[in-house]
Amino acid sequence: MDKLVSTALEAVADVPDGTSLAVGGFGLSGVPNVLIQALYERGVAGVSVVSNNCGAMDSGLAVLLSAGRIARVTGSYIGANKEFARQYLSGELEVEMIPQGTLAERLRAGGAGIPAFFTPAGVGTQVADGGLPWRYDGSGGVALASPPKEVREFDGVEYVLEHGIRTDFALVRAAKGDRHGNLVFNKSTRNFNPLAAMAGRVTIAEVEELVEPGEIEPDAVHLPGIFVQRVVALTPAQATDKGIEQRTISAPPARGTVSN
């Protein structure tokens, strides 16, 4: 039951080239940066990634993306990642963009053993009808487009069939975890981390605070240890190393004015 692994490099030692990988995080929040860096150091390449976004600035999955290690991305948000856009438009990267809620449910469904489900999201668009560019040819044309999906009517409303997602591995980051793999997430880090963890056949969690079994109240557990196979305890420096995606400040008040 003790799932603690000494180092991140040891935790990802069996992750092969060409693997499929579900990765938690939301923007810069809750991204398993230490595990991603370990994959980079091992030289793992040709990875198919399922994640809300593919890194921001120079952190997270952007480390693997910039090194040309990612072959395919299934996600819902590109954001301001210029290298992502460049690789996609040049035909270097295959990208499946899907609605954010659908992505979340596809991960959850895969982890829950549900092969497929119907949702109204995307009906009447290329999400359902097909034709979304998955890969460009580098000259502005589409080399590979998404296929049409089954649409069925229930009680007078049309729904599109979406398939659950399962991946070979999953990488997640938790605020707290124990040696059994029970995890607790903080605020928006809970958006995709539990779902990514459920989808992975082998799930590896880096935790900011490691506690002993029994120290987390059962009602406080966000993800049961049954979904986690390996736990890596972060150092204090690693746990507090968190970036800010958008720094926003207020202009100081002009001289002679009084602020409320």
Protein backbone atom coordinates (compact mmCIF):
# COMPACT_ATOMS: atom_id res chain seq x y z
CA MET A 1 0.00 0.00 0.00
CA ASP A 2 2.99 2.32 0.40
CA LYS A 3 3.14 4.03 -3.01
CA LEU A 4 5.89 6.52 -2.20
CA VAL A 5 8.68 6.73 -4.78
CA SER A 6 11.99 8.39 -3.90
CA THR A 7 12.41 10.67 -6.92
CA ALA A 8 10.49 11.97 -9.90
CA LEU A 9 13.00 10.34 -12.25
CA GLU A 10 12.36 6.99 -10.61
CA ALA A 11 8.60 7.53 -10.82
CA VAL A 12 8.68 8.03 -14.61
CA ALA A 13 11.47 5.54 -15.35
CA ASP A 14 9.15 3.18 -17.28
CA VAL A 15 7.33 5.82 -19.33
CA PRO A 16 8.22 4.97 -22.96
CA ASP A 17 8.43 6.97 -26.16
CA GLY A 18 5.08 7.21 -27.93
CA THR A 19 3.06 6.88 -24.74
CA SER A 20 -0.32 8.51 -24.11
CA LEU A 21 -0.39 10.84 -21.15
CA ALA A 22 -3.18 12.62 -19.25
CA VAL A 23 -1.81 15.68 -17.48
CA GLY A 24 -3.57 17.73 -14.82
CA GLY A 25 -3.48 21.47 -14.32
CA PHE A 26 -5.42 24.58 -15.23
CA GLY A 27 -3.28 27.34 -16.71
CA LEU A 28 -0.27 27.43 -14.37
CA SER A 29 -2.32 26.08 -11.47
CA GLY A 30 -1.77 22.51 -10.31
CA VAL A 31 0.61 21.54 -13.12
CA PRO A 32 2.91 18.57 -12.32
CA ASN A 33 6.02 20.49 -13.34
CA VAL A 34 8.49 18.26 -11.52
CA LEU A 35 7.25 15.08 -13.19
CA ILE A 36 7.15 16.80 -16.59
CA GLN A 37 10.74 17.95 -16.10
CA ALA A 38 11.71 14.36 -15.24
CA LEU A 39 10.21 13.17 -18.53
CA TYR A 40 12.19 15.86 -20.33
CA GLU A 41 15.42 14.79 -18.64
CA ARG A 42 14.78 11.17 -19.64
CA GLY A 43 14.33 12.23 -23.26
CA VAL A 44 10.84 10.76 -23.66
CA ALA A 45 9.44 11.72 -27.09
CA GLY A 46 6.50 11.15 -29.45
CA VAL A 47 4.01 11.64 -26.63
CA SER A 48 0.25 11.97 -27.12
CA VAL A 49 -0.99 14.38 -24.45
CA VAL A 50 -4.49 14.89 -23.08
CA SER A 51 -4.63 18.11 -21.08
CA ASN A 52 -6.75 21.23 -20.80
CA ASN A 53 -3.88 23.34 -22.13
CA CYS A 54 -0.36 22.56 -23.32
CA GLY A 55 1.69 24.67 -20.96
CA ALA A 56 2.12 28.41 -20.62
CA MET A 57 5.21 30.57 -20.95
CA ASP A 58 8.16 28.23 -20.35
CA SER A 59 6.57 25.88 -17.84
CA GLY A 60 4.52 22.71 -17.72
CA LEU A 61 3.99 20.86 -20.97
CA ALA A 62 5.60 23.77 -22.83
CA VAL A 63 8.94 22.21 -21.78
CA LEU A 64 8.18 19.06 -23.79
CA LEU A 65 6.44 20.96 -26.58
CA SER A 66 9.37 23.32 -27.21
CA ALA A 67 11.70 20.32 -27.37
CA GLY A 68 9.56 18.69 -30.06
CA ARG A 69 8.65 15.77 -27.80
CA ILE A 70 4.85 15.98 -28.21
CA ALA A 71 3.23 14.41 -31.28
CA ARG A 72 -0.45 14.93 -30.49
CA VAL A 73 -2.53 17.09 -28.16
CA THR A 74 -6.14 16.61 -27.09
CA GLY A 75 -7.23 19.74 -25.26
CA SER A 76 -9.59 22.67 -25.10
CA TYR A 77 -7.41 25.77 -24.74
CA ILE A 78 -4.38 27.00 -26.67
CA GLY A 79 -4.15 30.38 -24.96
CA ALA A 80 -1.12 32.53 -25.68
CA ASN A 81 1.25 29.64 -26.39
CA LYS A 82 2.86 30.86 -29.61
CA GLU A 83 5.02 27.76 -30.05
CA PHE A 84 1.91 25.58 -29.82
CA ALA A 85 0.26 27.65 -32.58
CA ARG A 86 3.41 27.55 -34.72
CA GLN A 87 3.77 23.77 -34.55
CA TYR A 88 0.06 23.25 -35.18
CA LEU A 89 -0.12 25.52 -38.22
CA SER A 90 3.14 24.18 -39.67
CA GLY A 91 1.89 20.59 -39.54
CA GLU A 92 4.36 19.45 -36.87
CA LEU A 93 1.68 18.81 -34.26
CA GLU A 94 -1.66 17.01 -34.40
CA VAL A 95 -4.33 18.75 -32.32
CA GLU A 96 -7.83 17.67 -31.33
CA MET A 97 -9.68 20.65 -29.86
CA ILE A 98 -12.89 19.82 -27.99
CA PRO A 99 -15.23 21.74 -25.68
CA GLN A 100 -13.80 22.10 -22.18
CA GLY A 101 -16.72 20.45 -20.40
CA THR A 102 -16.66 17.57 -22.88
CA LEU A 103 -12.95 17.07 -22.24
CA ALA A 104 -13.57 16.92 -18.50
CA GLU A 105 -16.36 14.38 -18.90
CA ARG A 106 -14.40 12.25 -21.37
CA LEU A 107 -11.60 11.91 -18.81
CA ARG A 108 -14.02 11.18 -15.98
CA ALA A 109 -15.96 8.68 -18.08
CA GLY A 110 -12.78 6.84 -19.04
CA GLY A 111 -11.76 6.58 -15.41
CA ALA A 112 -15.22 5.41 -14.38
CA GLY A 113 -15.29 2.66 -17.00
CA ILE A 114 -17.89 4.39 -19.17
CA PRO A 115 -16.96 3.87 -22.84
CA ALA A 116 -19.07 6.70 -24.29
CA PHE A 117 -21.82 9.21 -23.53
CA PHE A 118 -24.11 11.66 -25.29
CA THR A 119 -23.85 15.43 -24.78
CA PRO A 120 -25.55 18.43 -26.44
CA ALA A 121 -22.24 20.35 -26.55
CA GLY A 122 -21.07 20.71 -30.14
CA VAL A 123 -24.26 19.68 -31.93
CA GLY A 124 -24.64 21.63 -35.16
CA THR A 125 -20.94 22.50 -35.33
CA GLN A 126 -17.82 20.86 -36.73
CA VAL A 127 -17.37 19.18 -33.35
CA ALA A 128 -20.23 16.88 -34.36
CA ASP A 129 -20.24 17.26 -38.14
CA GLY A 130 -16.50 16.74 -38.59
CA GLY A 131 -14.03 18.83 -40.54
CA LEU A 132 -12.03 20.36 -37.69
CA PRO A 133 -8.35 20.54 -38.70
CA TRP A 134 -6.42 17.96 -36.68
CA ARG A 135 -3.25 18.43 -38.70
CA TYR A 136 -2.25 21.04 -41.28
CA ASP A 137 0.01 20.30 -44.24
CA GLY A 138 2.35 23.23 -43.60
CA SER A 139 1.07 25.16 -46.62
CA GLY A 140 -2.26 26.32 -45.24
CA GLY A 141 -4.20 23.21 -46.22
CA VAL A 142 -5.69 20.56 -43.98
CA ALA A 143 -3.88 17.21 -44.03
CA LEU A 144 -6.15 15.48 -41.51
CA ALA A 145 -9.62 16.53 -40.38
CA SER A 146 -11.87 15.25 -37.62
CA PRO A 147 -14.45 12.63 -38.63
CA PRO A 148 -18.19 13.11 -38.13
CA LYS A 149 -19.68 11.77 -34.90
CA GLU A 150 -22.94 9.99 -34.22
CA VAL A 151 -25.81 12.35 -33.38
CA ARG A 152 -28.97 10.99 -31.77
CA GLU A 153 -32.19 12.60 -30.63
CA PHE A 154 -33.53 12.18 -27.09
CA ASP A 155 -36.85 13.79 -26.11
CA GLY A 156 -36.66 16.11 -29.08
CA VAL A 157 -33.10 17.28 -28.39
CA GLU A 158 -30.03 16.28 -30.41
CA TYR A 159 -26.92 14.94 -28.67
CA VAL A 160 -23.49 13.97 -29.99
CA LEU A 161 -21.70 10.79 -28.99
CA GLU A 162 -18.35 11.29 -27.27
CA HIS A 163 -15.96 8.56 -26.16
CA GLY A 164 -14.32 8.20 -22.77
CA ILE A 165 -10.56 8.75 -22.63
CA ARG A 166 -8.04 6.29 -21.20
CA THR A 167 -4.30 6.93 -21.30
CA ASP A 168 -1.23 4.82 -20.54
CA PHE A 169 -0.04 7.19 -17.82
CA ALA A 170 -1.29 10.26 -15.95
CA LEU A 171 0.68 12.99 -14.20
CA VAL A 172 -0.99 15.12 -11.53
CA ARG A 173 -0.10 17.53 -8.73
CA ALA A 174 -1.85 17.65 -5.35
CA ALA A 175 -1.62 20.02 -2.41
CA LYS A 176 -1.60 17.09 0.01
CA GLY A 177 -1.32 13.33 -0.27
CA ASP A 178 -0.55 10.28 1.81
CA ARG A 179 1.48 7.14 1.15
CA HIS A 180 -1.67 5.30 0.03
CA GLY A 181 -2.25 7.80 -2.78
CA ASN A 182 -5.23 9.63 -1.29
CA LEU A 183 -5.06 13.19 -2.61
CA VAL A 184 -6.37 16.66 -1.76
CA PHE A 185 -6.34 19.51 -4.29
CA ASN A 186 -6.45 23.25 -3.70
CA LYS A 187 -9.08 25.41 -5.40
CA SER A 188 -8.74 25.52 -9.23
CA THR A 189 -6.08 22.79 -9.18
CA ARG A 190 -9.07 20.50 -8.64
CA ASN A 191 -10.53 21.34 -12.07
CA PHE A 192 -8.65 18.73 -14.11
CA ASN A 193 -6.22 16.91 -11.80
CA PRO A 194 -8.72 14.38 -10.38
CA LEU A 195 -10.11 13.69 -13.85
CA ALA A 196 -6.68 13.20 -15.41
CA ALA A 197 -5.73 10.89 -12.54
CA MET A 198 -8.83 8.77 -13.12
CA ALA A 199 -8.07 8.41 -16.83
CA GLY A 200 -4.53 7.07 -16.44
CA ARG A 201 -3.85 3.35 -16.23
CA VAL A 202 -0.76 4.26 -14.20
CA THR A 203 -1.15 7.54 -12.32
CA ILE A 204 1.79 9.36 -10.77
CA ALA A 205 1.14 12.17 -8.29
CA GLU A 206 3.57 14.79 -7.07
CA VAL A 207 2.40 16.17 -3.71
CA GLU A 208 3.35 19.43 -2.05
CA GLU A 209 2.74 18.01 1.43
CA LEU A 210 3.14 14.33 2.26
CA VAL A 211 1.25 13.07 5.30
CA GLU A 212 0.85 9.67 6.88
CA PRO A 213 -2.18 7.45 6.17
CA GLY A 214 -5.08 8.45 8.39
CA GLU A 215 -4.07 12.13 8.65
CA ILE A 216 -6.47 13.09 5.85
CA GLU A 217 -10.07 12.84 7.00
CA PRO A 218 -12.01 10.50 4.70
CA ASP A 219 -14.53 13.25 3.89
CA ALA A 220 -11.66 15.55 2.89
CA VAL A 221 -10.25 13.20 0.24
CA HIS A 222 -10.79 14.58 -3.27
CA LEU A 223 -9.32 11.56 -5.07
CA PRO A 224 -9.13 8.08 -3.49
CA GLY A 225 -5.84 6.24 -3.62
CA ILE A 226 -7.35 3.50 -5.79
CA PHE A 227 -6.69 5.80 -8.77
CA VAL A 228 -3.03 6.49 -7.87
CA GLN A 229 -0.13 4.08 -8.30
CA ARG A 230 2.89 6.26 -7.40
CA VAL A 231 3.44 9.25 -5.10
CA VAL A 232 6.41 11.64 -5.18
CA ALA A 233 6.92 14.05 -2.26
CA LEU A 234 8.15 17.48 -3.40
CA THR A 235 10.86 19.40 -1.60
CA PRO A 236 9.80 22.68 0.07
CA ALA A 237 11.48 24.59 -2.78
CA GLN A 238 9.63 22.57 -5.43
CA ALA A 239 6.32 22.93 -3.60
CA THR A 240 6.54 26.72 -3.45
CA ASP A 241 7.87 27.23 -6.98
CA LYS A 242 4.70 28.55 -8.62
CA GLY A 243 4.47 31.00 -11.51
CA ILE A 244 1.96 33.74 -12.21
CA GLU A 245 0.54 33.69 -15.73
CA GLN A 246 -0.86 37.23 -15.82
CA ARG A 247 0.59 39.85 -13.49
CA THR A 248 -2.03 42.55 -12.99
CA ILE A 249 -1.54 45.60 -10.79
CA SER A 250 -3.52 48.78 -10.19
CA ALA A 251 -2.06 52.13 -11.15
CA PRO A 252 -1.13 54.24 -8.14
CA PRO A 253 -3.53 57.10 -7.44
CA ALA A 254 -2.57 60.49 -8.85
CA ARG A 255 -1.05 62.99 -6.43
CA GLY A 256 -3.59 65.01 -4.55
CA THR A 257 -6.34 62.43 -4.93
CA VAL A 258 -7.78 60.36 -2.13
CA SER A 259 -8.58 56.71 -2.72
CA ASN A 260 -11.50 55.06 -0.95
